[in-house]
């Protein structure tokens, strides 16, 4: 899993997303700038709504 924060400031939106397959082997340090494509899915179970966030593509920006 990875925690992503939108650019702009300290209090921008954050997302905890799952990384599967080969992506799960990648390691990123806190503060590294990355571009990601996310897939959001929701489902209902026993009257509760659950959301999954999956990283479908990630690329390190800069050096």
C-alpha atoms as a PDB file:
ATOM      1  CA  UNK A   1       0.000   0.000   0.000  1.00  0.00           C
ATOM      2  CA  UNK A   2       1.003   3.595  -0.546  1.00  0.00           C
ATOM      3  CA  UNK A   3      -0.272   6.915   0.808  1.00  0.00           C
ATOM      4  CA  UNK A   4      -0.529   9.594  -1.862  1.00  0.00           C
ATOM      5  CA  UNK A   5      -1.072  13.318  -1.330  1.00  0.00           C
ATOM      6  CA  UNK A   6      -2.247  15.801  -3.946  1.00  0.00           C
ATOM      7  CA  UNK A   7       0.130  18.629  -4.745  1.00  0.00           C
ATOM      8  CA  UNK A   8      -0.473  22.091  -3.390  1.00  0.00           C
ATOM      9  CA  UNK A   9       0.141  22.115   0.321  1.00  0.00           C
ATOM     10  CA  UNK A  10       0.350  20.330   3.629  1.00  0.00           C
ATOM     11  CA  UNK A  11      -3.419  19.827   3.959  1.00  0.00           C
ATOM     12  CA  UNK A  12      -4.276  18.570   0.467  1.00  0.00           C
ATOM     13  CA  UNK A  13      -6.322  15.388  -0.043  1.00  0.00           C
ATOM     14  CA  UNK A  14      -4.595  12.107   0.765  1.00  0.00           C
ATOM     15  CA  UNK A  15      -5.380   8.634  -0.555  1.00  0.00           C
ATOM     16  CA  UNK A  16      -4.323   5.228   0.763  1.00  0.00           C
ATOM     17  CA  UNK A  17      -4.075   3.053  -2.339  1.00  0.00           C
ATOM     18  CA  UNK A  18      -3.211  -0.581  -2.997  1.00  0.00           C
ATOM     19  CA  UNK A  19      -0.375  -1.567  -5.321  1.00  0.00           C
ATOM     20  CA  UNK A  20      -0.601  -5.083  -6.780  1.00  0.00           C
ATOM     21  CA  UNK A  21       1.689  -7.335  -8.830  1.00  0.00           C
ATOM     22  CA  UNK A  22       5.079  -5.960  -9.877  1.00  0.00           C
ATOM     23  CA  UNK A  23       4.088  -2.492  -8.687  1.00  0.00           C
ATOM     24  CA  UNK A  24       3.935  -3.802  -5.121  1.00  0.00           C
ATOM     25  CA  UNK A  25       7.707  -4.427  -5.291  1.00  0.00           C
ATOM     26  CA  UNK A  26       8.451  -0.744  -5.993  1.00  0.00           C
ATOM     27  CA  UNK A  27       9.608   1.358  -3.064  1.00  0.00           C
ATOM     28  CA  UNK A  28       9.127   5.106  -2.767  1.00  0.00           C
ATOM     29  CA  UNK A  29      10.409   7.430  -0.069  1.00  0.00           C
ATOM     30  CA  UNK A  30       8.184   9.921   1.701  1.00  0.00           C
ATOM     31  CA  UNK A  31       8.209  13.201  -0.213  1.00  0.00           C
ATOM     32  CA  UNK A  32       9.103  11.668  -3.592  1.00  0.00           C
ATOM     33  CA  UNK A  33       7.135  13.186  -6.456  1.00  0.00           C
ATOM     34  CA  UNK A  34       5.164  10.626  -8.473  1.00  0.00           C
ATOM     35  CA  UNK A  35       2.411  10.675 -11.083  1.00  0.00           C
ATOM     36  CA  UNK A  36      -0.232   7.988 -10.663  1.00  0.00           C
ATOM     37  CA  UNK A  37      -3.345   6.664 -12.325  1.00  0.00           C
ATOM     38  CA  UNK A  38      -5.890   5.417  -9.811  1.00  0.00           C
ATOM     39  CA  UNK A  39      -8.956   3.195 -10.148  1.00  0.00           C
ATOM     40  CA  UNK A  40     -11.741   3.802  -7.629  1.00  0.00           C
ATOM     41  CA  UNK A  41     -14.296   1.055  -6.993  1.00  0.00           C
ATOM     42  CA  UNK A  42     -17.154   0.875  -4.510  1.00  0.00           C
ATOM     43  CA  UNK A  43     -19.332  -1.981  -3.347  1.00  0.00           C
ATOM     44  CA  UNK A  44     -22.084  -2.506  -0.829  1.00  0.00           C
ATOM     45  CA  UNK A  45     -22.050  -5.321   1.711  1.00  0.00           C
ATOM     46  CA  UNK A  46     -24.548  -5.765   4.551  1.00  0.00           C
ATOM     47  CA  UNK A  47     -25.751  -2.183   4.209  1.00  0.00           C
ATOM     48  CA  UNK A  48     -22.231  -0.727   4.357  1.00  0.00           C
ATOM     49  CA  UNK A  49     -20.457   0.924   1.423  1.00  0.00           C
ATOM     50  CA  UNK A  50     -16.760   0.151   0.900  1.00  0.00           C
ATOM     51  CA  UNK A  51     -14.305   1.865  -1.431  1.00  0.00           C
ATOM     52  CA  UNK A  52     -11.078   0.457  -2.875  1.00  0.00           C
ATOM     53  CA  UNK A  53      -8.395   2.592  -4.471  1.00  0.00           C
ATOM     54  CA  UNK A  54      -5.980   0.741  -6.750  1.00  0.00           C
ATOM     55  CA  UNK A  55      -2.836   2.153  -8.371  1.00  0.00           C
ATOM     56  CA  UNK A  56      -2.946   1.165 -12.052  1.00  0.00           C
ATOM     57  CA  UNK A  57       0.147   3.138 -13.128  1.00  0.00           C
ATOM     58  CA  UNK A  58       2.877   4.980 -11.227  1.00  0.00           C
ATOM     59  CA  UNK A  59       5.886   6.924 -12.467  1.00  0.00           C
ATOM     60  CA  UNK A  60       8.556   8.748 -10.496  1.00  0.00           C
ATOM     61  CA  UNK A  61       8.965  12.369 -11.586  1.00  0.00           C
ATOM     62  CA  UNK A  62      12.236  14.255 -11.572  1.00  0.00           C
ATOM     63  CA  UNK A  63      15.519  12.625 -10.631  1.00  0.00           C
END
